[in-house]
Amino acid sequence: MAKLSFSGACVLTGLMLASSVWAAPQSLTREAYHAAREKIDVQSEQALDQCKKTADGTQSRCQIEVAGKRKIALAALEARLHPSANNSFKAKIAEVDLHHDLAQQRCKTQHAGADKEARVALKACTDQAKADRAKGLNAAHQHAAGQASVDAPPKSEAERQREADLDTAIRKCDSLLGDANLQCIREMSPEARQRAADRANGIVRKE
């Protein structure tokens, strides 16, 4: 995944949004949470004001960076208030999304032509951005799964078998198309449907 490039005073403020949260991984009190959130909001507004002072060609990127950094900071703050594998996952996904949004914006800027060559280059660039996002999502899933395994007690053989059965049911439906797929989903157990929906939405639940 490409490293973010920061430029301008607006992004220096944006960096504060993330670093002020990630630098202190300890848990928060409710009062400290609200104070930190208010600080993030103030810094975000200041950063957006700085974006307006940048050149027209860089305003969009500046705004994307500030919005993304704010999202990362808020997600990390929530993970400190309510530590869990799922909240840690959300914080990492916010970072993945920022990289992806910046990559997509960069693609549109670098390959803005209307000719065939520019369109081909744009598609290749955006496809690479999507592939990088997929890698980032996978890494976030693995991290969350590892954290969940540390936080949760070992599962019994019966629990592992139940999860395996649910996964088998989900894979069976995934292998079908059209009406057959819809019918298979309708016949799933409520637990299997919830498990499939959680996966589709990137939710990691503690069993």
Protein backbone atom coordinates (compact mmCIF):
# COMPACT_ATOMS: atom_id res chain seq x y z
CA MET A 1 0.00 0.00 0.00
CA ALA A 2 1.40 3.39 -0.96
CA LYS A 3 2.46 5.76 1.79
CA LEU A 4 0.38 8.89 2.17
CA SER A 5 2.04 12.07 1.00
CA PHE A 6 1.19 15.15 3.02
CA SER A 7 1.62 18.73 1.90
CA GLY A 8 0.51 22.09 3.28
CA ALA A 9 -0.45 23.40 6.67
CA CYS A 10 -3.90 21.83 6.42
CA VAL A 11 -2.45 18.33 6.49
CA LEU A 12 -0.03 19.14 9.29
CA THR A 13 -3.14 19.81 11.34
CA GLY A 14 -4.68 16.64 9.93
CA LEU A 15 -1.72 14.66 11.20
CA MET A 16 -2.49 15.90 14.70
CA LEU A 17 -5.94 14.35 14.43
CA ALA A 18 -4.50 10.87 14.17
CA SER A 19 -1.31 11.17 16.19
CA SER A 20 -3.07 12.61 19.24
CA VAL A 21 -5.15 9.44 19.40
CA TRP A 22 -2.78 6.70 18.30
CA ALA A 23 0.05 7.91 20.51
CA ALA A 24 -1.83 6.87 23.68
CA PRO A 25 -3.36 3.39 23.37
CA GLN A 26 -4.57 3.20 26.97
CA SER A 27 -8.31 3.18 27.64
CA LEU A 28 -10.28 6.39 28.18
CA THR A 29 -12.75 7.68 30.69
CA ARG A 30 -16.02 9.02 29.30
CA GLU A 31 -14.96 12.58 30.17
CA ALA A 32 -11.61 12.21 28.42
CA TYR A 33 -13.37 10.73 25.39
CA HIS A 34 -15.67 13.73 24.99
CA ALA A 35 -12.75 16.15 25.45
CA ALA A 36 -10.68 14.32 22.84
CA ARG A 37 -13.58 14.19 20.39
CA GLU A 38 -14.16 17.92 20.77
CA LYS A 39 -10.46 18.55 20.11
CA ILE A 40 -10.59 16.41 16.97
CA ASP A 41 -13.60 18.35 15.69
CA VAL A 42 -11.88 21.69 16.30
CA GLN A 43 -8.68 20.56 14.59
CA SER A 44 -10.69 19.21 11.68
CA GLU A 45 -12.45 22.53 11.15
CA GLN A 46 -9.11 24.36 11.29
CA ALA A 47 -7.63 21.96 8.77
CA LEU A 48 -10.56 22.40 6.38
CA ASP A 49 -10.13 26.17 6.62
CA GLN A 50 -6.49 25.71 5.61
CA CYS A 51 -7.61 23.59 2.65
CA LYS A 52 -9.55 26.55 1.29
CA LYS A 53 -6.29 28.52 1.10
CA THR A 54 -4.50 25.95 -1.05
CA ALA A 55 -4.31 25.99 -4.84
CA ASP A 56 -7.42 24.82 -6.67
CA GLY A 57 -5.68 21.68 -7.90
CA THR A 58 -4.87 20.51 -4.38
CA GLN A 59 -8.00 21.52 -2.48
CA SER A 60 -9.82 18.28 -3.21
CA ARG A 61 -6.92 16.13 -2.02
CA CYS A 62 -6.50 18.28 1.08
CA GLN A 63 -10.18 17.88 1.96
CA ILE A 64 -10.02 14.12 1.42
CA GLU A 65 -6.98 13.88 3.69
CA VAL A 66 -8.59 15.91 6.47
CA ALA A 67 -11.88 14.01 6.30
CA GLY A 68 -10.05 10.68 6.27
CA LYS A 69 -7.77 11.61 9.16
CA ARG A 70 -10.79 12.72 11.18
CA LYS A 71 -12.50 9.40 10.52
CA ILE A 72 -9.36 7.50 11.58
CA ALA A 73 -8.99 9.56 14.75
CA LEU A 74 -12.64 9.12 15.75
CA ALA A 75 -12.53 5.37 15.10
CA ALA A 76 -9.33 5.04 17.14
CA LEU A 77 -10.90 7.08 19.92
CA GLU A 78 -13.92 4.77 19.98
CA ALA A 79 -11.58 1.77 20.13
CA ARG A 80 -9.94 3.27 23.21
CA LEU A 81 -13.28 3.96 24.89
CA HIS A 82 -14.67 0.52 24.06
CA PRO A 83 -11.68 -1.78 23.36
CA SER A 84 -12.69 -4.70 21.15
CA ALA A 85 -11.54 -6.54 18.06
CA ASN A 86 -14.44 -5.05 16.10
CA ASN A 87 -13.63 -1.44 17.05
CA SER A 88 -9.95 -2.01 16.31
CA PHE A 89 -11.01 -3.38 12.93
CA LYS A 90 -13.10 -0.27 12.22
CA ALA A 91 -10.14 1.99 13.02
CA LYS A 92 -7.89 0.11 10.62
CA ILE A 93 -10.56 0.12 7.92
CA ALA A 94 -10.78 3.90 8.23
CA GLU A 95 -7.08 4.08 7.41
CA VAL A 96 -7.49 1.67 4.49
CA ASP A 97 -10.36 3.79 3.17
CA LEU A 98 -8.27 6.96 3.31
CA HIS A 99 -5.48 5.34 1.29
CA HIS A 100 -8.06 4.15 -1.23
CA ASP A 101 -9.82 7.53 -1.54
CA LEU A 102 -6.50 9.31 -2.08
CA ALA A 103 -5.41 6.73 -4.64
CA GLN A 104 -8.66 7.10 -6.57
CA GLN A 105 -8.35 10.89 -6.52
CA ARG A 106 -4.75 10.65 -7.71
CA CYS A 107 -5.82 8.37 -10.57
CA LYS A 108 -8.42 10.88 -11.75
CA THR A 109 -5.88 13.70 -11.61
CA GLN A 110 -3.09 11.86 -13.42
CA HIS A 111 -5.30 10.32 -16.12
CA ALA A 112 -7.87 13.02 -16.80
CA GLY A 113 -7.80 12.83 -20.60
CA ALA A 114 -10.76 11.78 -22.73
CA ASP A 115 -8.77 9.76 -25.27
CA LYS A 116 -8.64 5.97 -25.26
CA GLU A 117 -5.11 5.81 -23.86
CA ALA A 118 -6.10 7.97 -20.88
CA ARG A 119 -9.21 5.88 -20.23
CA VAL A 120 -7.18 2.68 -20.28
CA ALA A 121 -4.60 4.17 -17.92
CA LEU A 122 -7.36 5.42 -15.61
CA LYS A 123 -8.96 1.98 -15.41
CA ALA A 124 -5.61 0.32 -14.68
CA CYS A 125 -4.91 2.88 -11.97
CA THR A 126 -8.32 2.55 -10.30
CA ASP A 127 -8.16 -1.25 -10.53
CA GLN A 128 -4.83 -1.17 -8.70
CA ALA A 129 -6.34 1.09 -6.04
CA LYS A 130 -9.17 -1.40 -5.55
CA ALA A 131 -6.70 -4.28 -5.32
CA ASP A 132 -4.66 -2.40 -2.72
CA ARG A 133 -7.84 -1.74 -0.73
CA ALA A 134 -8.68 -5.46 -0.83
CA LYS A 135 -5.22 -6.25 0.56
CA GLY A 136 -5.72 -3.68 3.29
CA LEU A 137 -9.11 -5.15 4.22
CA ASN A 138 -7.61 -8.61 4.40
CA ALA A 139 -4.81 -7.39 6.67
CA ALA A 140 -7.36 -5.65 8.90
CA HIS A 141 -9.44 -8.83 9.12
CA GLN A 142 -6.37 -10.85 10.09
CA HIS A 143 -5.39 -8.33 12.77
CA ALA A 144 -8.92 -8.30 14.20
CA ALA A 145 -9.07 -12.09 14.18
CA GLY A 146 -5.76 -12.25 16.02
CA GLN A 147 -6.92 -9.73 18.61
CA ALA A 148 -10.20 -11.60 19.09
CA SER A 149 -8.32 -14.85 19.65
CA VAL A 150 -6.27 -13.18 22.38
CA ASP A 151 -9.26 -11.52 24.02
CA ALA A 152 -11.57 -14.54 23.89
CA PRO A 153 -11.17 -17.93 25.61
CA PRO A 154 -10.49 -20.98 23.41
CA LYS A 155 -13.57 -22.33 21.66
CA SER A 156 -14.88 -25.78 22.39
CA GLU A 157 -14.98 -28.51 19.77
CA ALA A 158 -18.77 -28.11 19.56
CA GLU A 159 -18.44 -24.35 18.92
CA ARG A 160 -15.85 -24.88 16.21
CA GLN A 161 -18.05 -27.51 14.55
CA ARG A 162 -21.07 -25.20 14.70
CA GLU A 163 -19.10 -22.41 13.01
CA ALA A 164 -17.83 -24.84 10.38
CA ASP A 165 -21.40 -25.91 9.63
CA LEU A 166 -22.48 -22.28 9.28
CA ASP A 167 -19.59 -21.57 6.93
CA THR A 168 -20.48 -24.61 4.83
CA ALA A 169 -24.05 -23.35 4.48
CA ILE A 170 -22.83 -19.90 3.48
CA ARG A 171 -20.40 -21.27 0.89
CA LYS A 172 -23.14 -23.44 -0.58
CA CYS A 173 -25.34 -20.40 -1.17
CA ASP A 174 -22.42 -18.38 -2.50
CA SER A 175 -21.83 -21.05 -5.15
CA LEU A 176 -25.37 -20.63 -6.53
CA LEU A 177 -26.65 -17.92 -8.85
CA GLY A 178 -29.90 -16.05 -9.38
CA ASP A 179 -33.09 -17.53 -7.93
CA ALA A 180 -31.25 -20.56 -6.63
CA ASN A 181 -29.02 -18.30 -4.53
CA LEU A 182 -32.00 -16.35 -3.16
CA GLN A 183 -33.85 -19.54 -2.30
CA CYS A 184 -30.77 -20.93 -0.55
CA ILE A 185 -30.42 -17.77 1.53
CA ARG A 186 -34.10 -17.89 2.52
CA GLU A 187 -33.61 -21.47 3.74
CA MET A 188 -30.57 -20.55 5.86
CA SER A 189 -30.88 -20.52 9.61
CA PRO A 190 -31.15 -17.03 11.15
CA GLU A 191 -27.68 -17.51 12.64
CA ALA A 192 -26.17 -18.36 9.25
CA ARG A 193 -27.85 -15.36 7.61
CA GLN A 194 -26.51 -13.07 10.34
CA ARG A 195 -23.02 -14.52 9.94
CA ALA A 196 -23.14 -13.97 6.17
CA ALA A 197 -24.41 -10.40 6.63
CA ASP A 198 -21.66 -9.63 9.16
CA ARG A 199 -19.01 -10.81 6.73
CA ALA A 200 -20.45 -8.73 3.91
CA ASN A 201 -20.37 -5.63 6.14
CA GLY A 202 -16.90 -6.32 7.56
CA ILE A 203 -18.18 -6.89 11.09
CA VAL A 204 -16.14 -9.06 13.43
CA ARG A 205 -18.14 -10.40 16.35
CA LYS A 206 -16.91 -12.09 19.48
CA GLU A 207 -18.50 -15.50 19.75
